[in-house]
Amino acid sequence: MSAVIVKQSNPDAVFLEQLGVFAWPIWSKEVSTFPWTYNSEETCYLLEGEPIRLQAGDLVIFPAGMSCTWQIRQAVRKHYVFA
């Protein structure tokens, strides 16, 4: 199982349309810290978020089986889909 996060900053609109990103549900979360395990791969497109590590305009793939602790310092909003 790979634990590599794939991040693509500012993918072009055509690519996002091909993925169907704007039809994906939206998840929002206030400032908080919590543990999380990805049971399946998640691809998300950040609409708002952390200005340093992950930020608005990033397309991110979290691999299945990855465990982490989210530390949200600024409210987050993203489109997401699980594979």
N, C-alpha and C. Protein backbone atom coordinates (compact mmCIF):
# COMPACT_ATOMS: atom_id res chain seq x y z
N MET A 1 0.82 -1.17 0.00
CA MET A 1 0.00 0.00 0.00
C MET A 1 0.87 1.25 0.00
N SER A 2 0.63 2.13 -0.91
CA SER A 2 1.41 3.37 -1.00
C SER A 2 0.85 4.41 -0.04
N ALA A 3 1.72 5.17 0.58
CA ALA A 3 1.29 6.25 1.47
C ALA A 3 1.70 7.58 0.89
N VAL A 4 1.81 7.65 -0.41
CA VAL A 4 2.24 8.88 -1.07
C VAL A 4 1.02 9.73 -1.41
N ILE A 5 1.05 10.98 -1.00
CA ILE A 5 0.01 11.93 -1.36
C ILE A 5 0.41 12.58 -2.68
N VAL A 6 -0.50 12.61 -3.63
CA VAL A 6 -0.24 13.23 -4.93
C VAL A 6 -0.96 14.57 -4.93
N LYS A 7 -0.23 15.64 -5.21
CA LYS A 7 -0.81 16.99 -5.23
C LYS A 7 -0.49 17.66 -6.54
N GLN A 8 -1.52 18.23 -7.16
CA GLN A 8 -1.33 19.00 -8.40
C GLN A 8 -1.91 20.39 -8.14
N SER A 9 -1.08 21.40 -8.15
CA SER A 9 -1.53 22.76 -7.90
C SER A 9 -2.09 23.39 -9.16
N ASN A 10 -3.24 24.00 -9.02
CA ASN A 10 -3.91 24.74 -10.10
C ASN A 10 -4.04 23.98 -11.41
N PRO A 11 -4.67 22.77 -11.38
CA PRO A 11 -4.89 22.06 -12.64
C PRO A 11 -5.82 22.88 -13.54
N ASP A 12 -5.69 22.70 -14.86
CA ASP A 12 -6.50 23.52 -15.75
C ASP A 12 -7.96 23.08 -15.73
N ALA A 13 -8.82 24.01 -16.13
CA ALA A 13 -10.27 23.81 -16.07
C ALA A 13 -10.73 22.62 -16.90
N VAL A 14 -10.10 22.37 -18.04
CA VAL A 14 -10.47 21.24 -18.89
C VAL A 14 -10.25 19.92 -18.16
N PHE A 15 -9.12 19.79 -17.49
CA PHE A 15 -8.81 18.59 -16.72
C PHE A 15 -9.83 18.39 -15.60
N LEU A 16 -10.15 19.47 -14.89
CA LEU A 16 -11.13 19.38 -13.81
C LEU A 16 -12.50 18.96 -14.33
N GLU A 17 -12.90 19.50 -15.48
CA GLU A 17 -14.17 19.11 -16.10
C GLU A 17 -14.16 17.64 -16.50
N GLN A 18 -13.04 17.16 -17.05
CA GLN A 18 -12.93 15.74 -17.43
C GLN A 18 -13.09 14.83 -16.22
N LEU A 19 -12.58 15.25 -15.07
CA LEU A 19 -12.73 14.47 -13.84
C LEU A 19 -14.15 14.56 -13.27
N GLY A 20 -14.89 15.58 -13.67
CA GLY A 20 -16.23 15.79 -13.13
C GLY A 20 -16.22 16.45 -11.75
N VAL A 21 -15.15 17.14 -11.43
CA VAL A 21 -14.93 17.70 -10.09
C VAL A 21 -16.12 18.51 -9.59
N PHE A 22 -16.70 19.34 -10.43
CA PHE A 22 -17.72 20.26 -9.95
C PHE A 22 -19.07 19.60 -9.69
N ALA A 23 -19.18 18.30 -10.00
CA ALA A 23 -20.38 17.51 -9.66
C ALA A 23 -20.16 16.73 -8.36
N TRP A 24 -18.93 16.71 -7.85
CA TRP A 24 -18.64 16.00 -6.60
C TRP A 24 -19.27 16.76 -5.44
N PRO A 25 -19.59 16.03 -4.35
CA PRO A 25 -20.10 16.72 -3.16
C PRO A 25 -19.04 17.66 -2.58
N ILE A 26 -19.48 18.55 -1.70
CA ILE A 26 -18.57 19.47 -1.02
C ILE A 26 -18.55 19.14 0.47
N TRP A 27 -17.34 19.09 1.04
CA TRP A 27 -17.13 18.87 2.47
C TRP A 27 -16.52 20.12 3.05
N SER A 28 -17.01 20.54 4.20
CA SER A 28 -16.48 21.71 4.90
C SER A 28 -16.15 21.30 6.32
N LYS A 29 -15.14 21.94 6.90
CA LYS A 29 -14.74 21.65 8.28
C LYS A 29 -14.15 22.90 8.90
N GLU A 30 -14.57 23.17 10.14
CA GLU A 30 -14.06 24.31 10.88
C GLU A 30 -12.66 24.00 11.42
N VAL A 31 -12.04 24.99 12.00
CA VAL A 31 -10.73 24.82 12.62
C VAL A 31 -10.83 23.71 13.65
N SER A 32 -9.95 22.71 13.56
CA SER A 32 -9.99 21.55 14.45
C SER A 32 -8.78 20.67 14.20
N THR A 33 -8.61 19.67 15.06
CA THR A 33 -7.59 18.63 14.89
C THR A 33 -8.26 17.30 15.15
N PHE A 34 -8.07 16.33 14.22
CA PHE A 34 -8.71 15.03 14.40
C PHE A 34 -7.96 13.96 13.61
N PRO A 35 -7.97 12.71 14.11
CA PRO A 35 -7.33 11.61 13.38
C PRO A 35 -8.25 11.15 12.24
N TRP A 36 -7.64 10.62 11.17
CA TRP A 36 -8.42 10.14 10.03
C TRP A 36 -7.67 9.01 9.35
N THR A 37 -8.40 8.00 8.91
CA THR A 37 -7.85 6.91 8.09
C THR A 37 -8.66 6.82 6.82
N TYR A 38 -7.99 6.80 5.70
CA TYR A 38 -8.65 6.68 4.39
C TYR A 38 -8.88 5.21 4.09
N ASN A 39 -10.16 4.77 4.10
CA ASN A 39 -10.49 3.38 3.78
C ASN A 39 -10.41 3.12 2.29
N SER A 40 -10.59 4.16 1.50
CA SER A 40 -10.42 4.08 0.06
C SER A 40 -9.74 5.36 -0.40
N GLU A 41 -9.20 5.32 -1.61
CA GLU A 41 -8.52 6.49 -2.14
C GLU A 41 -9.51 7.66 -2.25
N GLU A 42 -9.07 8.84 -1.87
CA GLU A 42 -9.89 10.04 -2.01
C GLU A 42 -9.17 11.03 -2.90
N THR A 43 -9.88 11.57 -3.87
CA THR A 43 -9.39 12.69 -4.67
C THR A 43 -10.22 13.89 -4.28
N CYS A 44 -9.56 15.01 -4.00
CA CYS A 44 -10.31 16.21 -3.64
C CYS A 44 -9.71 17.42 -4.33
N TYR A 45 -10.57 18.41 -4.52
CA TYR A 45 -10.17 19.69 -5.11
C TYR A 45 -10.51 20.76 -4.09
N LEU A 46 -9.49 21.39 -3.52
CA LEU A 46 -9.67 22.35 -2.44
C LEU A 46 -10.21 23.68 -2.95
N LEU A 47 -11.28 24.12 -2.33
CA LEU A 47 -11.88 25.41 -2.65
C LEU A 47 -11.40 26.49 -1.68
N GLU A 48 -11.16 26.10 -0.45
CA GLU A 48 -10.59 26.96 0.59
C GLU A 48 -9.72 26.07 1.44
N GLY A 49 -8.75 26.62 2.11
CA GLY A 49 -7.97 25.77 2.99
C GLY A 49 -6.65 26.35 3.43
N GLU A 50 -5.85 25.47 3.97
CA GLU A 50 -4.57 25.81 4.58
C GLU A 50 -3.65 26.50 3.57
N PRO A 51 -3.13 27.68 3.93
CA PRO A 51 -2.33 28.43 2.98
C PRO A 51 -0.90 27.92 2.79
N ILE A 52 -0.43 26.99 3.63
CA ILE A 52 0.95 26.56 3.53
C ILE A 52 1.07 25.18 2.89
N ARG A 53 0.46 24.20 3.47
CA ARG A 53 0.64 22.82 2.99
C ARG A 53 -0.32 22.46 1.87
N LEU A 54 -1.61 22.69 2.10
CA LEU A 54 -2.63 22.48 1.08
C LEU A 54 -3.40 23.77 0.99
N GLN A 55 -3.71 24.17 -0.22
CA GLN A 55 -4.40 25.46 -0.37
C GLN A 55 -5.40 25.41 -1.50
N ALA A 56 -6.23 26.42 -1.55
CA ALA A 56 -7.23 26.53 -2.61
C ALA A 56 -6.56 26.37 -3.96
N GLY A 57 -7.18 25.60 -4.84
CA GLY A 57 -6.63 25.36 -6.17
C GLY A 57 -5.82 24.09 -6.26
N ASP A 58 -5.58 23.39 -5.14
CA ASP A 58 -4.83 22.13 -5.17
C ASP A 58 -5.78 20.97 -5.42
N LEU A 59 -5.37 20.04 -6.29
CA LEU A 59 -6.06 18.76 -6.51
C LEU A 59 -5.19 17.73 -5.82
N VAL A 60 -5.76 16.97 -4.88
CA VAL A 60 -4.98 16.08 -4.03
C VAL A 60 -5.56 14.68 -4.05
N ILE A 61 -4.70 13.67 -4.10
CA ILE A 61 -5.14 12.27 -3.99
C ILE A 61 -4.51 11.69 -2.73
N PHE A 62 -5.38 11.24 -1.81
CA PHE A 62 -4.93 10.57 -0.59
C PHE A 62 -5.10 9.08 -0.81
N PRO A 63 -4.05 8.26 -0.63
CA PRO A 63 -4.14 6.83 -0.92
C PRO A 63 -4.94 6.07 0.14
N ALA A 64 -5.60 5.00 -0.30
CA ALA A 64 -6.30 4.11 0.62
C ALA A 64 -5.31 3.55 1.63
N GLY A 65 -5.74 3.41 2.88
CA GLY A 65 -4.89 2.86 3.92
C GLY A 65 -4.04 3.88 4.65
N MET A 66 -4.00 5.10 4.17
CA MET A 66 -3.20 6.13 4.82
C MET A 66 -3.90 6.60 6.09
N SER A 67 -3.16 6.71 7.19
CA SER A 67 -3.67 7.29 8.43
C SER A 67 -2.91 8.58 8.69
N CYS A 68 -3.62 9.57 9.20
CA CYS A 68 -3.00 10.86 9.44
C CYS A 68 -3.78 11.60 10.52
N THR A 69 -3.27 12.73 10.91
CA THR A 69 -3.99 13.65 11.78
C THR A 69 -4.14 14.96 11.02
N TRP A 70 -5.38 15.35 10.78
CA TRP A 70 -5.65 16.63 10.15
C TRP A 70 -5.52 17.71 11.20
N GLN A 71 -4.78 18.76 10.88
CA GLN A 71 -4.71 19.94 11.73
C GLN A 71 -5.18 21.10 10.88
N ILE A 72 -6.44 21.45 11.05
CA ILE A 72 -7.07 22.49 10.24
C ILE A 72 -6.92 23.81 10.97
N ARG A 73 -6.18 24.72 10.39
CA ARG A 73 -5.90 26.03 11.01
C ARG A 73 -6.79 27.13 10.46
N GLN A 74 -7.44 26.82 9.34
CA GLN A 74 -8.36 27.77 8.70
C GLN A 74 -9.46 26.90 8.13
N ALA A 75 -10.71 27.34 8.19
CA ALA A 75 -11.83 26.55 7.69
C ALA A 75 -11.52 26.02 6.28
N VAL A 76 -11.92 24.79 6.02
CA VAL A 76 -11.64 24.12 4.74
C VAL A 76 -12.95 23.83 4.03
N ARG A 77 -12.93 23.95 2.71
CA ARG A 77 -14.05 23.57 1.84
C ARG A 77 -13.45 22.93 0.62
N LYS A 78 -13.98 21.75 0.22
CA LYS A 78 -13.41 21.03 -0.92
C LYS A 78 -14.46 20.18 -1.61
N HIS A 79 -14.29 19.96 -2.91
CA HIS A 79 -15.01 18.92 -3.62
C HIS A 79 -14.25 17.63 -3.35
N TYR A 80 -14.97 16.48 -3.27
CA TYR A 80 -14.27 15.22 -3.03
C TYR A 80 -15.00 14.04 -3.66
N VAL A 81 -14.25 12.98 -3.90
CA VAL A 81 -14.82 11.72 -4.39
C VAL A 81 -13.95 10.59 -3.88
N PHE A 82 -14.57 9.48 -3.46
CA PHE A 82 -13.83 8.30 -3.05
C PHE A 82 -13.86 7.29 -4.19
N ALA A 83 -12.71 6.65 -4.43
CA ALA A 83 -12.61 5.67 -5.52
C ALA A 83 -13.20 4.34 -5.09
